Amino acid sequence: MWGKARSLAAKHLKPAFDNLKVVSTDNPKTNVPEFSEAPDEETVSPVEELAAVTAERDRLQAEIADLQDRLLRRQAEFENFRRRVERDRSDFLQYAGMEVVREILPVLDDFERALKADSSGDSYRKGVELIYQRLLETLKKIGLEPIESTIGSEFDPNLHQAVVRFETEEAPDHTILEEFSQGYNFKGKLLRPAMVRVAVHPAK
């Protein structure tokens, strides 16, 4: 029994005795405890932590400002696009009949020539004039606006086209001597300039 006890004691107490260290009672200063050196951990000061947080905050604020600026730009571009589409749509609806009226203008020219030609019957002339007036009034309701080009008025390149330049000193320079075909606007927009003969003074 005692032998078994001794073996158990030796088994469990031996590691403890192996870790014991001999100390000196004469010189206690030499009895410095040994500690295992722990690996150095990188320490960050509060100032560095604050600087890092501040830098991250500034970066996020700059990113947010950039995103807000992009959003405002996209909204402005979309608003401009929407207005442009609405304007184009309005112009299309307003001037949708412009090309149709342009095609009808030669018919008006034919009526005007027919009215200027000599006719043997008054009833025929009155019938042609009635059709002409009815057609003209209908086109005016749509938006046709005749351009007045009176003889002797000043030539306007925005409204008139000089088909013939006639040299003369009997009329003021750049005045209309004759109108060959009527000019028209369509809702304030030039549809066809008036074809006219213009007086020009001879070069001296």
N, C-alpha and C. Protein backbone atom coordinates (compact mmCIF):
# COMPACT_ATOMS: atom_id res chain seq x y z
N MET A 1 0.83 -1.21 0.00
CA MET A 1 0.00 0.00 0.00
C MET A 1 0.85 1.24 0.00
N TRP A 2 1.88 1.22 0.92
CA TRP A 2 2.75 2.38 0.96
C TRP A 2 3.54 2.52 -0.34
N GLY A 3 3.83 1.42 -0.96
CA GLY A 3 4.57 1.49 -2.22
C GLY A 3 3.75 2.14 -3.32
N LYS A 4 2.46 1.80 -3.32
CA LYS A 4 1.55 2.42 -4.32
C LYS A 4 1.41 3.89 -4.08
N ALA A 5 1.36 4.30 -2.79
CA ALA A 5 1.23 5.72 -2.45
C ALA A 5 2.45 6.48 -2.88
N ARG A 6 3.63 5.86 -2.66
CA ARG A 6 4.86 6.54 -3.04
C ARG A 6 4.94 6.73 -4.57
N SER A 7 4.48 5.74 -5.29
CA SER A 7 4.53 5.86 -6.75
C SER A 7 3.59 6.95 -7.27
N LEU A 8 2.41 7.05 -6.67
CA LEU A 8 1.46 8.10 -7.05
C LEU A 8 2.01 9.47 -6.72
N ALA A 9 2.63 9.62 -5.55
CA ALA A 9 3.20 10.91 -5.15
C ALA A 9 4.31 11.30 -6.08
N ALA A 10 5.15 10.33 -6.44
CA ALA A 10 6.25 10.64 -7.34
C ALA A 10 5.73 11.06 -8.71
N LYS A 11 4.64 10.42 -9.12
CA LYS A 11 4.08 10.73 -10.45
C LYS A 11 3.51 12.13 -10.50
N HIS A 12 2.80 12.57 -9.48
CA HIS A 12 2.10 13.85 -9.50
C HIS A 12 2.92 14.99 -8.95
N LEU A 13 3.83 14.72 -8.05
CA LEU A 13 4.59 15.80 -7.43
C LEU A 13 5.88 16.11 -8.17
N LYS A 14 6.38 15.16 -8.97
CA LYS A 14 7.64 15.38 -9.65
C LYS A 14 7.60 16.60 -10.56
N PRO A 15 6.56 16.84 -11.40
CA PRO A 15 6.55 18.05 -12.23
C PRO A 15 6.59 19.32 -11.42
N ALA A 16 5.94 19.30 -10.26
CA ALA A 16 5.95 20.50 -9.42
C ALA A 16 7.33 20.77 -8.88
N PHE A 17 8.01 19.73 -8.45
CA PHE A 17 9.37 19.90 -7.94
C PHE A 17 10.32 20.31 -9.04
N ASP A 18 10.08 19.85 -10.25
CA ASP A 18 10.97 20.22 -11.35
C ASP A 18 10.89 21.71 -11.66
N ASN A 19 9.76 22.31 -11.41
CA ASN A 19 9.58 23.74 -11.70
C ASN A 19 10.05 24.65 -10.58
N LEU A 20 10.43 24.06 -9.45
CA LEU A 20 10.91 24.86 -8.33
C LEU A 20 12.26 25.46 -8.66
N LYS A 21 12.53 26.65 -8.18
CA LYS A 21 13.79 27.33 -8.40
C LYS A 21 14.46 27.62 -7.08
N VAL A 22 15.74 27.40 -7.08
CA VAL A 22 16.52 27.64 -5.87
C VAL A 22 16.74 29.12 -5.73
N VAL A 23 16.47 29.67 -4.56
CA VAL A 23 16.65 31.08 -4.29
C VAL A 23 17.69 31.24 -3.20
N SER A 24 18.24 32.43 -3.20
CA SER A 24 19.27 32.74 -2.21
C SER A 24 18.67 33.60 -1.12
N THR A 25 18.91 33.16 0.11
CA THR A 25 18.44 33.94 1.24
C THR A 25 19.43 35.01 1.61
N ASP A 26 20.70 34.87 1.17
CA ASP A 26 21.71 35.87 1.48
C ASP A 26 21.59 37.11 0.61
N ASN A 27 21.24 36.92 -0.65
CA ASN A 27 21.14 38.07 -1.57
C ASN A 27 19.78 38.00 -2.28
N PRO A 28 18.75 38.56 -1.67
CA PRO A 28 17.39 38.46 -2.24
C PRO A 28 17.23 39.16 -3.58
N LYS A 29 18.12 40.13 -3.88
CA LYS A 29 17.97 40.88 -5.13
C LYS A 29 18.17 39.99 -6.35
N THR A 30 18.89 38.91 -6.12
CA THR A 30 19.12 38.02 -7.25
C THR A 30 17.92 37.13 -7.54
N ASN A 31 16.98 37.17 -6.62
CA ASN A 31 15.80 36.31 -6.79
C ASN A 31 14.75 37.03 -7.63
N VAL A 32 15.08 37.34 -8.85
CA VAL A 32 14.14 38.03 -9.77
C VAL A 32 13.27 36.99 -10.43
N PRO A 33 11.98 37.13 -10.30
CA PRO A 33 11.10 36.13 -10.92
C PRO A 33 11.22 36.16 -12.43
N GLU A 34 11.16 35.01 -13.03
CA GLU A 34 11.22 34.89 -14.49
C GLU A 34 9.83 34.89 -15.07
N PHE A 35 9.64 35.71 -16.01
CA PHE A 35 8.35 35.78 -16.71
C PHE A 35 8.60 35.52 -18.18
N SER A 36 7.70 34.81 -18.77
CA SER A 36 7.79 34.59 -20.22
C SER A 36 7.38 35.85 -20.94
N GLU A 37 8.20 36.23 -21.86
CA GLU A 37 7.95 37.47 -22.60
C GLU A 37 6.81 37.27 -23.58
N ALA A 38 5.75 38.06 -23.42
CA ALA A 38 4.61 38.01 -24.33
C ALA A 38 4.95 38.80 -25.58
N PRO A 39 4.44 38.41 -26.69
CA PRO A 39 4.72 39.16 -27.93
C PRO A 39 4.18 40.57 -27.83
N ASP A 40 4.98 41.53 -28.31
CA ASP A 40 4.58 42.94 -28.28
C ASP A 40 3.37 43.15 -29.16
N GLU A 41 2.36 43.76 -28.61
CA GLU A 41 1.16 44.12 -29.37
C GLU A 41 1.26 45.59 -29.76
N GLU A 42 0.89 45.88 -31.03
CA GLU A 42 0.95 47.27 -31.53
C GLU A 42 -0.11 48.10 -30.84
N THR A 43 0.30 49.07 -30.16
CA THR A 43 -0.62 49.94 -29.42
C THR A 43 -0.88 51.19 -30.25
N VAL A 44 -2.15 51.62 -30.34
CA VAL A 44 -2.57 52.81 -31.07
C VAL A 44 -3.04 53.84 -30.07
N SER A 45 -2.48 55.02 -30.19
CA SER A 45 -2.83 56.07 -29.25
C SER A 45 -4.21 56.63 -29.58
N PRO A 46 -4.88 57.21 -28.62
CA PRO A 46 -6.20 57.83 -28.88
C PRO A 46 -6.16 58.92 -29.95
N VAL A 47 -5.03 59.63 -30.02
CA VAL A 47 -4.91 60.70 -31.02
C VAL A 47 -4.92 60.11 -32.43
N GLU A 48 -4.19 58.99 -32.58
CA GLU A 48 -4.15 58.34 -33.89
C GLU A 48 -5.52 57.77 -34.27
N GLU A 49 -6.21 57.19 -33.26
CA GLU A 49 -7.55 56.67 -33.52
C GLU A 49 -8.49 57.79 -33.95
N LEU A 50 -8.41 58.94 -33.27
CA LEU A 50 -9.26 60.09 -33.62
C LEU A 50 -8.94 60.59 -35.02
N ALA A 51 -7.65 60.64 -35.37
CA ALA A 51 -7.27 61.10 -36.71
C ALA A 51 -7.79 60.16 -37.78
N ALA A 52 -7.73 58.84 -37.51
CA ALA A 52 -8.23 57.87 -38.48
C ALA A 52 -9.74 57.99 -38.65
N VAL A 53 -10.46 58.16 -37.55
CA VAL A 53 -11.92 58.32 -37.62
C VAL A 53 -12.29 59.60 -38.36
N THR A 54 -11.53 60.68 -38.09
CA THR A 54 -11.80 61.96 -38.77
C THR A 54 -11.56 61.85 -40.28
N ALA A 55 -10.47 61.17 -40.65
CA ALA A 55 -10.18 60.99 -42.07
C ALA A 55 -11.26 60.18 -42.76
N GLU A 56 -11.74 59.13 -42.10
CA GLU A 56 -12.81 58.31 -42.67
C GLU A 56 -14.10 59.12 -42.81
N ARG A 57 -14.38 59.96 -41.78
CA ARG A 57 -15.58 60.81 -41.86
C ARG A 57 -15.50 61.79 -43.02
N ASP A 58 -14.31 62.42 -43.19
CA ASP A 58 -14.13 63.37 -44.29
C ASP A 58 -14.29 62.68 -45.64
N ARG A 59 -13.76 61.45 -45.74
CA ARG A 59 -13.88 60.71 -47.00
C ARG A 59 -15.33 60.40 -47.33
N LEU A 60 -16.09 59.99 -46.30
CA LEU A 60 -17.51 59.68 -46.52
C LEU A 60 -18.30 60.93 -46.87
N GLN A 61 -17.97 62.05 -46.21
CA GLN A 61 -18.67 63.30 -46.52
C GLN A 61 -18.40 63.74 -47.95
N ALA A 62 -17.15 63.60 -48.40
CA ALA A 62 -16.82 63.96 -49.78
C ALA A 62 -17.54 63.05 -50.77
N GLU A 63 -17.64 61.77 -50.43
CA GLU A 63 -18.34 60.84 -51.31
C GLU A 63 -19.83 61.17 -51.38
N ILE A 64 -20.42 61.51 -50.24
CA ILE A 64 -21.85 61.88 -50.21
C ILE A 64 -22.07 63.16 -51.02
N ALA A 65 -21.18 64.15 -50.86
CA ALA A 65 -21.32 65.39 -51.63
C ALA A 65 -21.22 65.13 -53.13
N ASP A 66 -20.31 64.25 -53.53
CA ASP A 66 -20.17 63.91 -54.95
C ASP A 66 -21.42 63.22 -55.47
N LEU A 67 -21.98 62.31 -54.68
CA LEU A 67 -23.20 61.63 -55.11
C LEU A 67 -24.38 62.60 -55.20
N GLN A 68 -24.47 63.53 -54.25
CA GLN A 68 -25.54 64.53 -54.31
C GLN A 68 -25.39 65.42 -55.53
N ASP A 69 -24.15 65.80 -55.86
CA ASP A 69 -23.92 66.63 -57.05
C ASP A 69 -24.30 65.88 -58.31
N ARG A 70 -23.95 64.60 -58.38
CA ARG A 70 -24.33 63.80 -59.55
C ARG A 70 -25.84 63.68 -59.66
N LEU A 71 -26.50 63.49 -58.52
CA LEU A 71 -27.96 63.37 -58.54
C LEU A 71 -28.60 64.66 -59.05
N LEU A 72 -28.12 65.81 -58.57
CA LEU A 72 -28.68 67.09 -59.02
C LEU A 72 -28.45 67.29 -60.51
N ARG A 73 -27.28 66.90 -60.99
CA ARG A 73 -26.99 67.03 -62.42
C ARG A 73 -27.92 66.15 -63.25
N ARG A 74 -28.12 64.92 -62.80
CA ARG A 74 -29.01 64.01 -63.53
C ARG A 74 -30.44 64.54 -63.52
N GLN A 75 -30.87 65.10 -62.40
CA GLN A 75 -32.22 65.66 -62.34
C GLN A 75 -32.35 66.84 -63.29
N ALA A 76 -31.33 67.70 -63.34
CA ALA A 76 -31.37 68.85 -64.24
C ALA A 76 -31.38 68.39 -65.70
N GLU A 77 -30.56 67.39 -66.03
CA GLU A 77 -30.53 66.87 -67.40
C GLU A 77 -31.87 66.26 -67.79
N PHE A 78 -32.46 65.52 -66.85
CA PHE A 78 -33.76 64.93 -67.15
C PHE A 78 -34.83 65.99 -67.33
N GLU A 79 -34.79 67.05 -66.51
CA GLU A 79 -35.77 68.13 -66.63
C GLU A 79 -35.62 68.85 -67.97
N ASN A 80 -34.37 69.09 -68.38
CA ASN A 80 -34.14 69.73 -69.68
C ASN A 80 -34.62 68.83 -70.82
N PHE A 81 -34.36 67.53 -70.68
CA PHE A 81 -34.82 66.59 -71.71
C PHE A 81 -36.34 66.57 -71.79
N ARG A 82 -37.00 66.59 -70.62
CA ARG A 82 -38.46 66.57 -70.61
C ARG A 82 -39.03 67.84 -71.26
N ARG A 83 -38.43 68.98 -70.95
CA ARG A 83 -38.91 70.23 -71.55
C ARG A 83 -38.68 70.24 -73.06
N ARG A 84 -37.54 69.71 -73.49
CA ARG A 84 -37.26 69.66 -74.92
C ARG A 84 -38.25 68.76 -75.65
N VAL A 85 -38.57 67.63 -75.04
CA VAL A 85 -39.55 66.73 -75.65
C VAL A 85 -40.92 67.39 -75.72
N GLU A 86 -41.30 68.09 -74.64
CA GLU A 86 -42.60 68.77 -74.64
C GLU A 86 -42.63 69.88 -75.69
N ARG A 87 -41.50 70.61 -75.84
CA ARG A 87 -41.46 71.68 -76.84
C ARG A 87 -41.54 71.11 -78.25
N ASP A 88 -40.79 70.02 -78.49
CA ASP A 88 -40.83 69.40 -79.81
C ASP A 88 -42.23 68.87 -80.11
N ARG A 89 -42.86 68.30 -79.10
CA ARG A 89 -44.21 67.76 -79.29
C ARG A 89 -45.20 68.89 -79.59
N SER A 90 -45.05 70.01 -78.85
CA SER A 90 -45.93 71.15 -79.09
C SER A 90 -45.72 71.73 -80.49
N ASP A 91 -44.43 71.84 -80.90
CA ASP A 91 -44.14 72.36 -82.24
C ASP A 91 -44.70 71.43 -83.32
N PHE A 92 -44.59 70.14 -83.08
CA PHE A 92 -45.09 69.18 -84.07
C PHE A 92 -46.60 69.31 -84.22
N LEU A 93 -47.29 69.41 -83.07
CA LEU A 93 -48.75 69.53 -83.14
C LEU A 93 -49.16 70.86 -83.77
N GLN A 94 -48.38 71.91 -83.48
CA GLN A 94 -48.75 73.23 -83.99
C GLN A 94 -48.51 73.34 -85.49
N TYR A 95 -47.41 72.74 -85.96
CA TYR A 95 -47.05 72.89 -87.36
C TYR A 95 -47.25 71.60 -88.14
N ALA A 96 -48.10 70.71 -87.63
CA ALA A 96 -48.33 69.43 -88.31
C ALA A 96 -48.92 69.64 -89.70
N GLY A 97 -49.77 70.66 -89.87
CA GLY A 97 -50.41 70.89 -91.17
C GLY A 97 -49.62 71.78 -92.09
N MET A 98 -48.39 72.14 -91.68
CA MET A 98 -47.62 73.10 -92.47
C MET A 98 -47.27 72.55 -93.85
N GLU A 99 -46.83 71.31 -93.90
CA GLU A 99 -46.45 70.73 -95.19
C GLU A 99 -47.67 70.54 -96.09
N VAL A 100 -48.80 70.22 -95.47
CA VAL A 100 -50.02 70.06 -96.26
C VAL A 100 -50.41 71.39 -96.90
N VAL A 101 -50.35 72.45 -96.12
CA VAL A 101 -50.69 73.77 -96.65
C VAL A 101 -49.70 74.17 -97.74
N ARG A 102 -48.41 73.82 -97.54
CA ARG A 102 -47.41 74.14 -98.55
C ARG A 102 -47.74 73.49 -99.90
N GLU A 103 -48.26 72.28 -99.85
CA GLU A 103 -48.63 71.59 -101.09
C GLU A 103 -49.86 72.22 -101.75
N ILE A 104 -50.69 72.90 -100.95
CA ILE A 104 -51.91 73.50 -101.51
C ILE A 104 -51.63 74.88 -102.10
N LEU A 105 -50.52 75.49 -101.74
CA LEU A 105 -50.23 76.84 -102.23
C LEU A 105 -50.23 76.95 -103.75
N PRO A 106 -49.70 75.99 -104.49
CA PRO A 106 -49.81 76.11 -105.96
C PRO A 106 -51.24 76.21 -106.47
N VAL A 107 -52.17 75.60 -105.74
CA VAL A 107 -53.58 75.71 -106.14
C VAL A 107 -54.04 77.15 -105.98
N LEU A 108 -53.62 77.80 -104.89
CA LEU A 108 -53.96 79.21 -104.71
C LEU A 108 -53.35 80.05 -105.82
N ASP A 109 -52.13 79.72 -106.20
CA ASP A 109 -51.49 80.46 -107.30
C ASP A 109 -52.29 80.33 -108.58
N ASP A 110 -52.78 79.13 -108.85
CA ASP A 110 -53.57 78.92 -110.07
C ASP A 110 -54.85 79.75 -110.04
N PHE A 111 -55.47 79.79 -108.87
CA PHE A 111 -56.69 80.60 -108.76
C PHE A 111 -56.37 82.07 -108.99
N GLU A 112 -55.26 82.55 -108.43
CA GLU A 112 -54.91 83.96 -108.61
C GLU A 112 -54.64 84.27 -110.09
N ARG A 113 -53.97 83.37 -110.77
CA ARG A 113 -53.73 83.59 -112.20
C ARG A 113 -55.02 83.55 -112.99
N ALA A 114 -55.93 82.66 -112.58
CA ALA A 114 -57.22 82.59 -113.28
C ALA A 114 -58.01 83.87 -113.09
N LEU A 115 -57.91 84.45 -111.90
CA LEU A 115 -58.64 85.70 -111.65
C LEU A 115 -58.03 86.87 -112.41
N LYS A 116 -56.73 86.82 -112.66
CA LYS A 116 -56.09 87.90 -113.40
C LYS A 116 -56.31 87.79 -114.91
N ALA A 117 -56.62 86.60 -115.39
CA ALA A 117 -56.80 86.40 -116.83
C ALA A 117 -58.13 87.00 -117.26
N ASP A 118 -58.20 87.41 -118.54
CA ASP A 118 -59.44 87.95 -119.09
C ASP A 118 -60.46 86.83 -119.25
N SER A 119 -61.67 87.12 -118.85
CA SER A 119 -62.73 86.11 -118.93
C SER A 119 -63.92 86.72 -119.67
N SER A 120 -64.52 85.90 -120.52
CA SER A 120 -65.66 86.38 -121.30
C SER A 120 -66.95 86.41 -120.50
N GLY A 121 -67.02 85.61 -119.46
CA GLY A 121 -68.27 85.57 -118.68
C GLY A 121 -68.06 86.01 -117.25
N ASP A 122 -68.90 86.92 -116.79
CA ASP A 122 -68.81 87.38 -115.40
C ASP A 122 -69.17 86.28 -114.41
N SER A 123 -70.10 85.41 -114.78
CA SER A 123 -70.50 84.34 -113.87
C SER A 123 -69.34 83.36 -113.63
N TYR A 124 -68.56 83.12 -114.67
CA TYR A 124 -67.41 82.22 -114.51
C TYR A 124 -66.40 82.85 -113.56
N ARG A 125 -66.15 84.13 -113.75
CA ARG A 125 -65.18 84.81 -112.89
C ARG A 125 -65.66 84.82 -111.44
N LYS A 126 -66.92 85.07 -111.24
CA LYS A 126 -67.46 85.10 -109.87
C LYS A 126 -67.37 83.71 -109.22
N GLY A 127 -67.58 82.67 -110.00
CA GLY A 127 -67.48 81.32 -109.45
C GLY A 127 -66.06 80.99 -109.02
N VAL A 128 -65.10 81.35 -109.89
CA VAL A 128 -63.69 81.10 -109.54
C VAL A 128 -63.29 81.91 -108.32
N GLU A 129 -63.73 83.16 -108.27
CA GLU A 129 -63.39 84.02 -107.12
C GLU A 129 -64.00 83.48 -105.84
N LEU A 130 -65.21 82.95 -105.91
CA LEU A 130 -65.86 82.38 -104.73
C LEU A 130 -65.09 81.17 -104.20
N ILE A 131 -64.68 80.29 -105.12
CA ILE A 131 -63.91 79.11 -104.70
C ILE A 131 -62.56 79.53 -104.10
N TYR A 132 -61.95 80.51 -104.72
CA TYR A 132 -60.66 80.99 -104.22
C TYR A 132 -60.79 81.57 -102.81
N GLN A 133 -61.79 82.41 -102.59
CA GLN A 133 -61.98 83.01 -101.28
C GLN A 133 -62.30 81.97 -100.21
N ARG A 134 -63.11 80.98 -100.60
CA ARG A 134 -63.47 79.94 -99.63
C ARG A 134 -62.24 79.11 -99.26
N LEU A 135 -61.42 78.78 -100.22
CA LEU A 135 -60.20 78.01 -99.94
C LEU A 135 -59.23 78.84 -99.10
N LEU A 136 -59.08 80.11 -99.44
CA LEU A 136 -58.16 80.97 -98.70
C LEU A 136 -58.60 81.13 -97.25
N GLU A 137 -59.88 81.35 -97.02
CA GLU A 137 -60.38 81.50 -95.65
C GLU A 137 -60.20 80.22 -94.85
N THR A 138 -60.39 79.09 -95.50
CA THR A 138 -60.19 77.81 -94.80
C THR A 138 -58.75 77.65 -94.37
N LEU A 139 -57.82 77.99 -95.27
CA LEU A 139 -56.40 77.88 -94.93
C LEU A 139 -55.99 78.89 -93.86
N LYS A 140 -56.62 80.05 -93.85
CA LYS A 140 -56.33 81.04 -92.81
C LYS A 140 -56.76 80.53 -91.44
N LYS A 141 -57.86 79.80 -91.40
CA LYS A 141 -58.30 79.23 -90.12
C LYS A 141 -57.30 78.21 -89.59
N ILE A 142 -56.64 77.52 -90.51
CA ILE A 142 -55.64 76.53 -90.09
C ILE A 142 -54.38 77.22 -89.59
N GLY A 143 -54.06 78.41 -90.13
CA GLY A 143 -52.85 79.12 -89.70
C GLY A 143 -52.13 79.84 -90.80
N LEU A 144 -52.67 79.84 -92.01
CA LEU A 144 -52.01 80.52 -93.12
C LEU A 144 -52.14 82.03 -92.98
N GLU A 145 -51.03 82.74 -93.21
CA GLU A 145 -51.01 84.20 -93.08
C GLU A 145 -50.35 84.80 -94.32
N PRO A 146 -51.10 85.45 -95.20
CA PRO A 146 -50.50 86.06 -96.40
C PRO A 146 -49.54 87.19 -96.02
N ILE A 147 -48.46 87.29 -96.78
CA ILE A 147 -47.47 88.36 -96.59
C ILE A 147 -47.81 89.49 -97.54
N GLU A 148 -47.98 90.68 -96.98
CA GLU A 148 -48.31 91.85 -97.79
C GLU A 148 -47.03 92.38 -98.45
N SER A 149 -47.03 92.42 -99.76
CA SER A 149 -45.87 92.93 -100.51
C SER A 149 -46.37 94.00 -101.47
N THR A 150 -46.61 95.17 -100.94
CA THR A 150 -47.16 96.26 -101.76
C THR A 150 -46.07 96.84 -102.64
N ILE A 151 -46.50 97.31 -103.80
CA ILE A 151 -45.57 97.90 -104.75
C ILE A 151 -45.00 99.19 -104.14
N GLY A 152 -43.68 99.32 -104.19
CA GLY A 152 -43.02 100.50 -103.64
C GLY A 152 -42.53 100.31 -102.22
N SER A 153 -42.93 99.19 -101.57
CA SER A 153 -42.44 98.95 -100.21
C SER A 153 -41.01 98.44 -100.26
N GLU A 154 -40.32 98.51 -99.16
CA GLU A 154 -38.91 98.12 -99.10
C GLU A 154 -38.76 96.60 -99.15
N PHE A 155 -37.76 96.17 -99.88
CA PHE A 155 -37.48 94.74 -99.99
C PHE A 155 -36.94 94.21 -98.66
N ASP A 156 -37.53 93.11 -98.18
CA ASP A 156 -37.12 92.47 -96.93
C ASP A 156 -36.67 91.04 -97.25
N PRO A 157 -35.36 90.76 -97.12
CA PRO A 157 -34.89 89.41 -97.47
C PRO A 157 -35.46 88.32 -96.57
N ASN A 158 -36.00 88.69 -95.43
CA ASN A 158 -36.61 87.69 -94.54
C ASN A 158 -38.01 87.28 -95.02
N LEU A 159 -38.62 88.11 -95.89
CA LEU A 159 -39.98 87.84 -96.35
C LEU A 159 -40.06 87.71 -97.87
N HIS A 160 -39.09 88.27 -98.58
CA HIS A 160 -39.16 88.33 -100.04
C HIS A 160 -37.97 87.62 -100.67
N GLN A 161 -38.20 87.15 -101.87
CA GLN A 161 -37.13 86.58 -102.68
C GLN A 161 -37.08 87.33 -104.00
N ALA A 162 -35.93 87.94 -104.26
CA ALA A 162 -35.79 88.76 -105.48
C ALA A 162 -35.54 87.84 -106.67
N VAL A 163 -36.59 87.62 -107.43
CA VAL A 163 -36.46 86.80 -108.64
C VAL A 163 -35.79 87.60 -109.75
N VAL A 164 -36.13 88.88 -109.83
CA VAL A 164 -35.55 89.77 -110.86
C VAL A 164 -35.06 91.03 -110.17
N ARG A 165 -33.84 91.45 -110.52
CA ARG A 165 -33.30 92.74 -110.05
C ARG A 165 -33.26 93.68 -111.26
N PHE A 166 -34.12 94.68 -111.20
CA PHE A 166 -34.30 95.57 -112.35
C PHE A 166 -33.58 96.89 -112.08
N GLU A 167 -32.62 97.22 -112.96
CA GLU A 167 -31.87 98.46 -112.80
C GLU A 167 -32.71 99.64 -113.29
N THR A 168 -32.90 100.57 -112.39
CA THR A 168 -33.67 101.78 -112.70
C THR A 168 -33.36 102.85 -111.67
N GLU A 169 -33.48 104.09 -112.14
CA GLU A 169 -33.34 105.22 -111.22
C GLU A 169 -34.68 105.90 -110.96
N GLU A 170 -35.74 105.35 -111.51
CA GLU A 170 -37.06 105.94 -111.35
C GLU A 170 -37.75 105.49 -110.06
N ALA A 171 -37.13 104.51 -109.35
CA ALA A 171 -37.71 104.02 -108.09
C ALA A 171 -36.60 103.96 -107.05
N PRO A 172 -36.94 104.11 -105.81
CA PRO A 172 -35.91 104.01 -104.76
C PRO A 172 -35.21 102.65 -104.81
N ASP A 173 -33.95 102.68 -104.41
CA ASP A 173 -33.15 101.46 -104.43
C ASP A 173 -33.73 100.42 -103.47
N HIS A 174 -33.75 99.17 -103.93
CA HIS A 174 -34.22 98.02 -103.14
C HIS A 174 -35.69 98.19 -102.71
N THR A 175 -36.49 98.58 -103.65
CA THR A 175 -37.94 98.61 -103.41
C THR A 175 -38.61 97.62 -104.37
N ILE A 176 -39.80 97.17 -103.99
CA ILE A 176 -40.51 96.16 -104.78
C ILE A 176 -41.24 96.83 -105.93
N LEU A 177 -40.99 96.32 -107.12
CA LEU A 177 -41.66 96.83 -108.32
C LEU A 177 -42.84 95.96 -108.73
N GLU A 178 -42.75 94.67 -108.46
CA GLU A 178 -43.81 93.76 -108.90
C GLU A 178 -43.75 92.49 -108.05
N GLU A 179 -44.92 91.94 -107.81
CA GLU A 179 -45.00 90.67 -107.08
C GLU A 179 -45.45 89.57 -108.05
N PHE A 180 -44.61 88.54 -108.19
CA PHE A 180 -44.94 87.44 -109.09
C PHE A 180 -45.81 86.39 -108.40
N SER A 181 -45.52 86.10 -107.14
CA SER A 181 -46.35 85.14 -106.39
C SER A 181 -46.40 85.56 -104.93
N GLN A 182 -47.55 85.33 -104.33
CA GLN A 182 -47.79 85.74 -102.95
C GLN A 182 -46.90 84.95 -101.98
N GLY A 183 -46.42 85.64 -100.94
CA GLY A 183 -45.68 84.98 -99.87
C GLY A 183 -46.61 84.68 -98.70
N TYR A 184 -46.27 83.65 -97.92
CA TYR A 184 -47.14 83.24 -96.82
C TYR A 184 -46.31 82.85 -95.59
N ASN A 185 -46.89 83.15 -94.43
CA ASN A 185 -46.41 82.62 -93.16
C ASN A 185 -47.40 81.57 -92.67
N PHE A 186 -46.91 80.69 -91.81
CA PHE A 186 -47.80 79.72 -91.19
C PHE A 186 -47.61 79.81 -89.68
N LYS A 187 -48.62 80.41 -89.03
CA LYS A 187 -48.58 80.63 -87.58
C LYS A 187 -47.32 81.38 -87.17
N GLY A 188 -47.00 82.43 -87.93
CA GLY A 188 -45.85 83.27 -87.62
C GLY A 188 -44.54 82.76 -88.15
N LYS A 189 -44.50 81.60 -88.76
CA LYS A 189 -43.28 81.03 -89.30
C LYS A 189 -43.32 81.08 -90.82
N LEU A 190 -42.21 81.51 -91.43
CA LEU A 190 -42.19 81.68 -92.88
C LEU A 190 -42.44 80.35 -93.57
N LEU A 191 -43.47 80.36 -94.41
CA LEU A 191 -43.80 79.16 -95.18
C LEU A 191 -43.23 79.26 -96.59
N ARG A 192 -43.40 80.43 -97.22
CA ARG A 192 -42.86 80.66 -98.55
C ARG A 192 -42.66 82.14 -98.74
N PRO A 193 -41.45 82.57 -99.16
CA PRO A 193 -41.25 84.00 -99.38
C PRO A 193 -41.99 84.46 -100.64
N ALA A 194 -42.28 85.73 -100.67
CA ALA A 194 -42.92 86.30 -101.86
C ALA A 194 -41.89 86.47 -102.97
N MET A 195 -42.27 86.06 -104.18
CA MET A 195 -41.39 86.20 -105.33
C MET A 195 -41.64 87.58 -105.96
N VAL A 196 -40.61 88.42 -105.99
CA VAL A 196 -40.83 89.81 -106.39
C VAL A 196 -39.71 90.26 -107.36
N ARG A 197 -40.01 91.40 -108.02
CA ARG A 197 -39.00 92.10 -108.81
C ARG A 197 -38.59 93.33 -108.02
N VAL A 198 -37.27 93.53 -107.92
CA VAL A 198 -36.72 94.56 -107.04
C VAL A 198 -35.97 95.59 -107.88
N ALA A 199 -36.13 96.85 -107.51
CA ALA A 199 -35.42 97.95 -108.18
C ALA A 199 -34.05 98.10 -107.58
N VAL A 200 -33.06 98.23 -108.45
CA VAL A 200 -31.68 98.50 -108.00
C VAL A 200 -31.13 99.63 -108.86
N HIS A 201 -30.40 100.54 -108.23
CA HIS A 201 -29.83 101.65 -108.99
C HIS A 201 -28.61 101.17 -109.77
N PRO A 202 -28.44 101.64 -110.99
CA PRO A 202 -27.28 101.24 -111.80
C PRO A 202 -25.98 101.64 -111.12
N ALA A 203 -24.98 100.79 -111.26
CA ALA A 203 -23.66 101.09 -110.71
C ALA A 203 -23.03 102.25 -111.46
N LYS A 204 -22.49 103.21 -110.76
CA LYS A 204 -21.87 104.37 -111.39
C LYS A 204 -20.39 104.09 -111.65
